[in-house]
PDB file of all heavy atoms in Angstrom:
ATOM      1  N   PHE A   1     -12.914 177.471  86.017  1.00  0.00           N
ATOM      2  CA  PHE A   1     -12.189 176.486  86.839  1.00  0.00           C
ATOM      3  C   PHE A   1     -12.281 175.105  86.197  1.00  0.00           C
ATOM      4  O   PHE A   1     -11.263 174.414  85.984  1.00  0.00           O
ATOM      5  CB  PHE A   1     -12.780 176.512  88.246  1.00  0.00           C
ATOM      6  CG  PHE A   1     -12.048 175.682  89.253  1.00  0.00           C
ATOM      7  CD1 PHE A   1     -10.745 175.257  89.086  1.00  0.00           C
ATOM      8  CD2 PHE A   1     -12.687 175.330  90.443  1.00  0.00           C
ATOM      9  CE1 PHE A   1     -10.083 174.497  90.042  1.00  0.00           C
ATOM     10  CE2 PHE A   1     -12.051 174.561  91.414  1.00  0.00           C
ATOM     11  CZ  PHE A   1     -10.746 174.177  91.201  1.00  0.00           C
ATOM     12  N   ALA A   2     -13.526 174.695  85.904  1.00  0.00           N
ATOM     13  CA  ALA A   2     -13.728 173.391  85.269  1.00  0.00           C
ATOM     14  C   ALA A   2     -13.067 173.324  83.896  1.00  0.00           C
ATOM     15  O   ALA A   2     -12.447 172.301  83.550  1.00  0.00           O
ATOM     16  CB  ALA A   2     -15.232 173.089  85.154  1.00  0.00           C
ATOM     17  N   GLY A   3     -13.165 174.402  83.126  1.00  0.00           N
ATOM     18  CA  GLY A   3     -12.565 174.393  81.818  1.00  0.00           C
ATOM     19  C   GLY A   3     -11.060 174.259  81.848  1.00  0.00           C
ATOM     20  O   GLY A   3     -10.464 173.495  81.074  1.00  0.00           O
ATOM     21  N   LEU A   4     -10.403 174.970  82.757  1.00  0.00           N
ATOM     22  CA  LEU A   4      -8.943 174.864  82.875  1.00  0.00           C
ATOM     23  C   LEU A   4      -8.534 173.466  83.308  1.00  0.00           C
ATOM     24  O   LEU A   4      -7.532 172.928  82.830  1.00  0.00           O
ATOM     25  CB  LEU A   4      -8.450 175.882  83.894  1.00  0.00           C
ATOM     26  CG  LEU A   4      -8.443 177.364  83.439  1.00  0.00           C
ATOM     27  CD1 LEU A   4      -8.107 178.274  84.619  1.00  0.00           C
ATOM     28  CD2 LEU A   4      -7.470 177.560  82.273  1.00  0.00           C
ATOM     29  N   ARG A   5      -9.340 172.870  84.206  1.00  0.00           N
ATOM     30  CA  ARG A   5      -9.014 171.514  84.657  1.00  0.00           C
ATOM     31  C   ARG A   5      -8.952 170.562  83.466  1.00  0.00           C
ATOM     32  O   ARG A   5      -8.012 169.796  83.334  1.00  0.00           O
ATOM     33  CB  ARG A   5     -10.086 171.043  85.647  1.00  0.00           C
ATOM     34  CG  ARG A   5      -9.945 169.582  86.024  1.00  0.00           C
ATOM     35  CD  ARG A   5     -11.182 169.051  86.743  1.00  0.00           C
ATOM     36  NE  ARG A   5     -11.027 167.637  87.042  1.00  0.00           N
ATOM     37  CZ  ARG A   5     -11.938 166.917  87.707  1.00  0.00           C
ATOM     38  NH1 ARG A   5     -13.069 167.472  88.096  1.00  0.00           N
ATOM     39  NH2 ARG A   5     -11.723 165.629  87.965  1.00  0.00           N
ATOM     40  N   PHE A   6      -9.989 170.600  82.621  1.00  0.00           N
ATOM     41  CA  PHE A   6     -10.053 169.622  81.533  1.00  0.00           C
ATOM     42  C   PHE A   6      -9.179 170.015  80.346  1.00  0.00           C
ATOM     43  O   PHE A   6      -8.837 169.143  79.533  1.00  0.00           O
ATOM     44  CB  PHE A   6     -11.513 169.379  81.122  1.00  0.00           C
ATOM     45  CG  PHE A   6     -12.214 168.517  82.128  1.00  0.00           C
ATOM     46  CD1 PHE A   6     -13.052 169.070  83.089  1.00  0.00           C
ATOM     47  CD2 PHE A   6     -11.963 167.157  82.191  1.00  0.00           C
ATOM     48  CE1 PHE A   6     -13.677 168.282  84.040  1.00  0.00           C
ATOM     49  CE2 PHE A   6     -12.567 166.357  83.130  1.00  0.00           C
ATOM     50  CZ  PHE A   6     -13.408 166.917  84.079  1.00  0.00           C
ATOM     51  N   LEU A   7      -8.784 171.256  80.255  1.00  0.00           N
ATOM     52  CA  LEU A   7      -7.784 171.630  79.270  1.00  0.00           C
ATOM     53  C   LEU A   7      -6.454 170.965  79.608  1.00  0.00           C
ATOM     54  O   LEU A   7      -5.794 170.382  78.746  1.00  0.00           O
ATOM     55  CB  LEU A   7      -7.632 173.163  79.232  1.00  0.00           C
ATOM     56  CG  LEU A   7      -6.569 173.694  78.285  1.00  0.00           C
ATOM     57  CD1 LEU A   7      -6.906 173.309  76.844  1.00  0.00           C
ATOM     58  CD2 LEU A   7      -6.461 175.224  78.418  1.00  0.00           C
ATOM     59  N   ILE A   8      -6.080 171.019  80.903  1.00  0.00           N
ATOM     60  CA  ILE A   8      -4.831 170.378  81.357  1.00  0.00           C
ATOM     61  C   ILE A   8      -4.918 168.875  81.142  1.00  0.00           C
ATOM     62  O   ILE A   8      -4.026 168.245  80.556  1.00  0.00           O
ATOM     63  CB  ILE A   8      -4.580 170.709  82.827  1.00  0.00           C
ATOM     64  CG1 ILE A   8      -4.276 172.215  82.990  1.00  0.00           C
ATOM     65  CG2 ILE A   8      -3.423 169.897  83.364  1.00  0.00           C
ATOM     66  CD1 ILE A   8      -4.240 172.682  84.447  1.00  0.00           C
ATOM     67  N   ALA A   9      -6.023 168.273  81.651  1.00  0.00           N
ATOM     68  CA  ALA A   9      -6.163 166.823  81.544  1.00  0.00           C
ATOM     69  C   ALA A   9      -6.222 166.364  80.101  1.00  0.00           C
ATOM     70  O   ALA A   9      -5.647 165.355  79.713  1.00  0.00           O
ATOM     71  CB  ALA A   9      -7.406 166.364  82.322  1.00  0.00           C
ATOM     72  N   GLY A  10      -6.959 167.138  79.259  1.00  0.00           N
ATOM     73  CA  GLY A  10      -7.115 166.740  77.864  1.00  0.00           C
ATOM     74  C   GLY A  10      -5.789 166.738  77.088  1.00  0.00           C
ATOM     75  O   GLY A  10      -5.547 165.861  76.279  1.00  0.00           O
ATOM     76  N   VAL A  11      -4.955 167.738  77.364  1.00  0.00           N
ATOM     77  CA  VAL A  11      -3.655 167.797  76.683  1.00  0.00           C
ATOM     78  C   VAL A  11      -2.811 166.591  77.078  1.00  0.00           C
ATOM     79  O   VAL A  11      -2.159 165.967  76.224  1.00  0.00           O
ATOM     80  CB  VAL A  11      -2.944 169.134  77.037  1.00  0.00           C
ATOM     81  CG1 VAL A  11      -1.489 169.064  76.586  1.00  0.00           C
ATOM     82  CG2 VAL A  11      -3.661 170.302  76.380  1.00  0.00           C
ATOM     83  N   VAL A  12      -2.801 166.243  78.358  1.00  0.00           N
ATOM     84  CA  VAL A  12      -2.025 165.094  78.831  1.00  0.00           C
ATOM     85  C   VAL A  12      -2.526 163.802  78.219  1.00  0.00           C
ATOM     86  O   VAL A  12      -1.758 162.954  77.715  1.00  0.00           O
ATOM     87  CB  VAL A  12      -2.028 165.018  80.360  1.00  0.00           C
ATOM     88  CG1 VAL A  12      -1.335 163.729  80.842  1.00  0.00           C
ATOM     89  CG2 VAL A  12      -1.334 166.237  80.969  1.00  0.00           C
ATOM     90  N   ILE A  13      -3.858 163.582  78.236  1.00  0.00           N
ATOM     91  CA  ILE A  13      -4.421 162.336  77.696  1.00  0.00           C
ATOM     92  C   ILE A  13      -4.231 162.285  76.190  1.00  0.00           C
ATOM     93  O   ILE A  13      -3.997 161.193  75.613  1.00  0.00           O
ATOM     94  CB  ILE A  13      -5.915 162.224  78.073  1.00  0.00           C
ATOM     95  CG1 ILE A  13      -6.083 162.114  79.575  1.00  0.00           C
ATOM     96  CG2 ILE A  13      -6.558 161.019  77.402  1.00  0.00           C
ATOM     97  CD1 ILE A  13      -5.451 160.917  80.209  1.00  0.00           C
ATOM     98  N   LEU A  14      -4.294 163.441  75.481  1.00  0.00           N
ATOM     99  CA  LEU A  14      -4.077 163.442  74.045  1.00  0.00           C
ATOM    100  C   LEU A  14      -2.636 163.031  73.732  1.00  0.00           C
ATOM    101  O   LEU A  14      -2.390 162.249  72.787  1.00  0.00           O
ATOM    102  CB  LEU A  14      -4.370 164.820  73.465  1.00  0.00           C
ATOM    103  CG  LEU A  14      -4.253 164.937  71.936  1.00  0.00           C
ATOM    104  CD1 LEU A  14      -5.222 163.994  71.236  1.00  0.00           C
ATOM    105  CD2 LEU A  14      -4.463 166.370  71.501  1.00  0.00           C
ATOM    106  N   ALA A  15      -1.693 163.515  74.527  1.00  0.00           N
ATOM    107  CA  ALA A  15      -0.293 163.109  74.326  1.00  0.00           C
ATOM    108  C   ALA A  15      -0.140 161.617  74.557  1.00  0.00           C
ATOM    109  O   ALA A  15       0.582 160.928  73.830  1.00  0.00           O
ATOM    110  CB  ALA A  15       0.610 163.909  75.278  1.00  0.00           C
ATOM    111  N   TYR A  16      -0.825 161.108  75.573  1.00  0.00           N
ATOM    112  CA  TYR A  16      -0.769 159.673  75.863  1.00  0.00           C
ATOM    113  C   TYR A  16      -1.387 158.862  74.725  1.00  0.00           C
ATOM    114  O   TYR A  16      -0.818 157.816  74.325  1.00  0.00           O
ATOM    115  CB  TYR A  16      -1.524 159.415  77.168  1.00  0.00           C
ATOM    116  CG  TYR A  16      -1.513 157.968  77.614  1.00  0.00           C
ATOM    117  CD1 TYR A  16      -0.343 157.304  77.984  1.00  0.00           C
ATOM    118  CD2 TYR A  16      -2.711 157.240  77.660  1.00  0.00           C
ATOM    119  CE1 TYR A  16      -0.352 155.979  78.393  1.00  0.00           C
ATOM    120  CE2 TYR A  16      -2.739 155.916  78.052  1.00  0.00           C
ATOM    121  CZ  TYR A  16      -1.558 155.307  78.433  1.00  0.00           C
ATOM    122  OH  TYR A  16      -1.580 153.992  78.827  1.00  0.00           O
ATOM    123  N   ALA A  17      -2.501 159.338  74.196  1.00  0.00           N
ATOM    124  CA  ALA A  17      -3.121 158.644  73.053  1.00  0.00           C
ATOM    125  C   ALA A  17      -2.201 158.661  71.833  1.00  0.00           C
ATOM    126  O   ALA A  17      -2.098 157.679  71.084  1.00  0.00           O
ATOM    127  CB  ALA A  17      -4.468 159.293  72.707  1.00  0.00           C
ATOM    128  N   TRP A  18      -1.531 159.796  71.609  1.00  0.00           N
ATOM    129  CA  TRP A  18      -0.598 159.912  70.478  1.00  0.00           C
ATOM    130  C   TRP A  18       0.546 158.909  70.588  1.00  0.00           C
ATOM    131  O   TRP A  18       0.989 158.332  69.581  1.00  0.00           O
ATOM    132  CB  TRP A  18      -0.068 161.330  70.423  1.00  0.00           C
ATOM    133  CG  TRP A  18       0.893 161.576  69.291  1.00  0.00           C
ATOM    134  CD1 TRP A  18       0.609 161.627  67.942  1.00  0.00           C
ATOM    135  CD2 TRP A  18       2.285 161.798  69.416  1.00  0.00           C
ATOM    136  NE1 TRP A  18       1.751 161.874  67.210  1.00  0.00           N
ATOM    137  CE2 TRP A  18       2.798 161.995  68.105  1.00  0.00           C
ATOM    138  CE3 TRP A  18       3.169 161.881  70.498  1.00  0.00           C
ATOM    139  CZ2 TRP A  18       4.159 162.242  67.845  1.00  0.00           C
ATOM    140  CZ3 TRP A  18       4.521 162.122  70.259  1.00  0.00           C
ATOM    141  CH2 TRP A  18       4.990 162.311  68.951  1.00  0.00           C
ATOM    142  N   LEU A  19       0.996 158.669  71.815  1.00  0.00           N
ATOM    143  CA  LEU A  19       2.116 157.761  72.040  1.00  0.00           C
ATOM    144  C   LEU A  19       1.727 156.300  72.027  1.00  0.00           C
ATOM    145  O   LEU A  19       2.548 155.413  71.701  1.00  0.00           O
ATOM    146  CB  LEU A  19       2.805 158.087  73.383  1.00  0.00           C
ATOM    147  CG  LEU A  19       3.577 159.402  73.457  1.00  0.00           C
ATOM    148  CD1 LEU A  19       3.992 159.680  74.897  1.00  0.00           C
ATOM    149  CD2 LEU A  19       4.813 159.362  72.539  1.00  0.00           C
ATOM    150  N   THR A  20       0.486 155.985  72.426  1.00  0.00           N
ATOM    151  CA  THR A  20       0.120 154.592  72.690  1.00  0.00           C
ATOM    152  C   THR A  20      -0.953 154.014  71.790  1.00  0.00           C
ATOM    153  O   THR A  20      -1.240 152.827  71.899  1.00  0.00           O
ATOM    154  CB  THR A  20      -0.364 154.440  74.150  1.00  0.00           C
ATOM    155  OG1 THR A  20      -1.542 155.271  74.345  1.00  0.00           O
ATOM    156  CG2 THR A  20       0.729 154.879  75.139  1.00  0.00           C
ATOM    157  N   THR A  21      -1.548 154.815  70.890  1.00  0.00           N
ATOM    158  CA  THR A  21      -2.583 154.297  70.022  1.00  0.00           C
ATOM    159  C   THR A  21      -2.256 154.613  68.568  1.00  0.00           C
ATOM    160  O   THR A  21      -1.540 155.577  68.294  1.00  0.00           O
ATOM    161  CB  THR A  21      -3.980 154.871  70.346  1.00  0.00           C
ATOM    162  OG1 THR A  21      -3.995 156.255  69.968  1.00  0.00           O
ATOM    163  CG2 THR A  21      -4.277 154.767  71.833  1.00  0.00           C
ATOM    164  N   PRO A  22      -2.818 153.838  67.644  1.00  0.00           N
ATOM    165  CA  PRO A  22      -2.577 154.126  66.215  1.00  0.00           C
ATOM    166  C   PRO A  22      -3.433 155.272  65.694  1.00  0.00           C
ATOM    167  O   PRO A  22      -3.220 155.760  64.593  1.00  0.00           O
ATOM    168  CB  PRO A  22      -2.964 152.813  65.524  1.00  0.00           C
ATOM    169  CG  PRO A  22      -3.948 152.198  66.456  1.00  0.00           C
ATOM    170  CD  PRO A  22      -3.535 152.567  67.827  1.00  0.00           C
ATOM    171  N   ARG A  23      -4.420 155.710  66.514  1.00  0.00           N
ATOM    172  CA  ARG A  23      -5.350 156.754  66.077  1.00  0.00           C
ATOM    173  C   ARG A  23      -5.445 157.825  67.169  1.00  0.00           C
ATOM    174  O   ARG A  23      -6.106 157.611  68.186  1.00  0.00           O
ATOM    175  CB  ARG A  23      -6.756 156.163  65.855  1.00  0.00           C
ATOM    176  CG  ARG A  23      -6.798 155.019  64.822  1.00  0.00           C
ATOM    177  CD  ARG A  23      -7.033 155.544  63.437  1.00  0.00           C
ATOM    178  NE  ARG A  23      -8.147 156.470  63.358  1.00  0.00           N
ATOM    179  CZ  ARG A  23      -9.425 156.077  63.359  1.00  0.00           C
ATOM    180  NH1 ARG A  23      -9.734 154.814  63.392  1.00  0.00           N
ATOM    181  NH2 ARG A  23     -10.364 156.996  63.282  1.00  0.00           N
ATOM    182  N   TRP A  24      -4.752 158.926  67.008  1.00  0.00           N
ATOM    183  CA  TRP A  24      -4.740 159.943  68.068  1.00  0.00           C
ATOM    184  C   TRP A  24      -5.750 161.060  67.825  1.00  0.00           C
ATOM    185  O   TRP A  24      -5.931 161.927  68.668  1.00  0.00           O
ATOM    186  CB  TRP A  24      -3.344 160.535  68.210  1.00  0.00           C
ATOM    187  CG  TRP A  24      -2.889 161.331  67.036  1.00  0.00           C
ATOM    188  CD1 TRP A  24      -2.225 160.857  65.942  1.00  0.00           C
ATOM    189  CD2 TRP A  24      -3.043 162.745  66.804  1.00  0.00           C
ATOM    190  NE1 TRP A  24      -1.957 161.866  65.035  1.00  0.00           N
ATOM    191  CE2 TRP A  24      -2.456 163.029  65.535  1.00  0.00           C
ATOM    192  CE3 TRP A  24      -3.645 163.782  67.511  1.00  0.00           C
ATOM    193  CZ2 TRP A  24      -2.451 164.327  65.007  1.00  0.00           C
ATOM    194  CZ3 TRP A  24      -3.624 165.063  66.997  1.00  0.00           C
ATOM    195  CH2 TRP A  24      -3.041 165.335  65.761  1.00  0.00           C
ATOM    196  N   ARG A  25      -6.449 161.036  66.641  1.00  0.00           N
ATOM    197  CA  ARG A  25      -7.485 162.046  66.427  1.00  0.00           C
ATOM    198  C   ARG A  25      -8.622 161.421  65.636  1.00  0.00           C
ATOM    199  O   ARG A  25      -8.441 160.457  64.871  1.00  0.00           O
ATOM    200  CB  ARG A  25      -6.931 163.244  65.685  1.00  0.00           C
ATOM    201  CG  ARG A  25      -6.487 162.991  64.279  1.00  0.00           C
ATOM    202  CD  ARG A  25      -5.955 164.281  63.637  1.00  0.00           C
ATOM    203  NE  ARG A  25      -5.456 164.057  62.284  1.00  0.00           N
ATOM    204  CZ  ARG A  25      -6.234 164.073  61.195  1.00  0.00           C
ATOM    205  NH1 ARG A  25      -7.538 164.300  61.325  1.00  0.00           N
ATOM    206  NH2 ARG A  25      -5.710 163.880  60.003  1.00  0.00           N
ATOM    207  N   PRO A  26      -9.840 161.945  65.835  1.00  0.00           N
ATOM    208  CA  PRO A  26     -10.996 161.421  65.096  1.00  0.00           C
ATOM    209  C   PRO A  26     -10.889 161.704  63.618  1.00  0.00           C
ATOM    210  O   PRO A  26     -10.267 162.674  63.175  1.00  0.00           O
ATOM    211  CB  PRO A  26     -12.206 162.149  65.724  1.00  0.00           C
ATOM    212  CG  PRO A  26     -11.667 162.690  67.018  1.00  0.00           C
ATOM    213  CD  PRO A  26     -10.232 162.975  66.805  1.00  0.00           C
ATOM    214  N   ARG A  27     -11.560 160.868  62.825  1.00  0.00           N
ATOM    215  CA  ARG A  27     -11.656 161.090  61.382  1.00  0.00           C
ATOM    216  C   ARG A  27     -13.101 160.866  60.964  1.00  0.00           C
ATOM    217  O   ARG A  27     -13.737 159.903  61.375  1.00  0.00           O
ATOM    218  CB  ARG A  27     -10.781 160.100  60.622  1.00  0.00           C
ATOM    219  CG  ARG A  27      -9.293 160.203  60.926  1.00  0.00           C
ATOM    220  CD  ARG A  27      -8.549 159.065  60.275  1.00  0.00           C
ATOM    221  NE  ARG A  27      -7.147 159.028  60.669  1.00  0.00           N
ATOM    222  CZ  ARG A  27      -6.352 157.961  60.500  1.00  0.00           C
ATOM    223  NH1 ARG A  27      -6.831 156.879  59.900  1.00  0.00           N
ATOM    224  NH2 ARG A  27      -5.098 158.015  60.875  1.00  0.00           N
TER     225      ARG A  27
END
């Protein structure tokens, strides 16, 4: 239950980071 919750939230926040920040993934 907890894992599914944060899978959904993580995908949405990652899309938001991709649209609004210059760095959407760690390096």
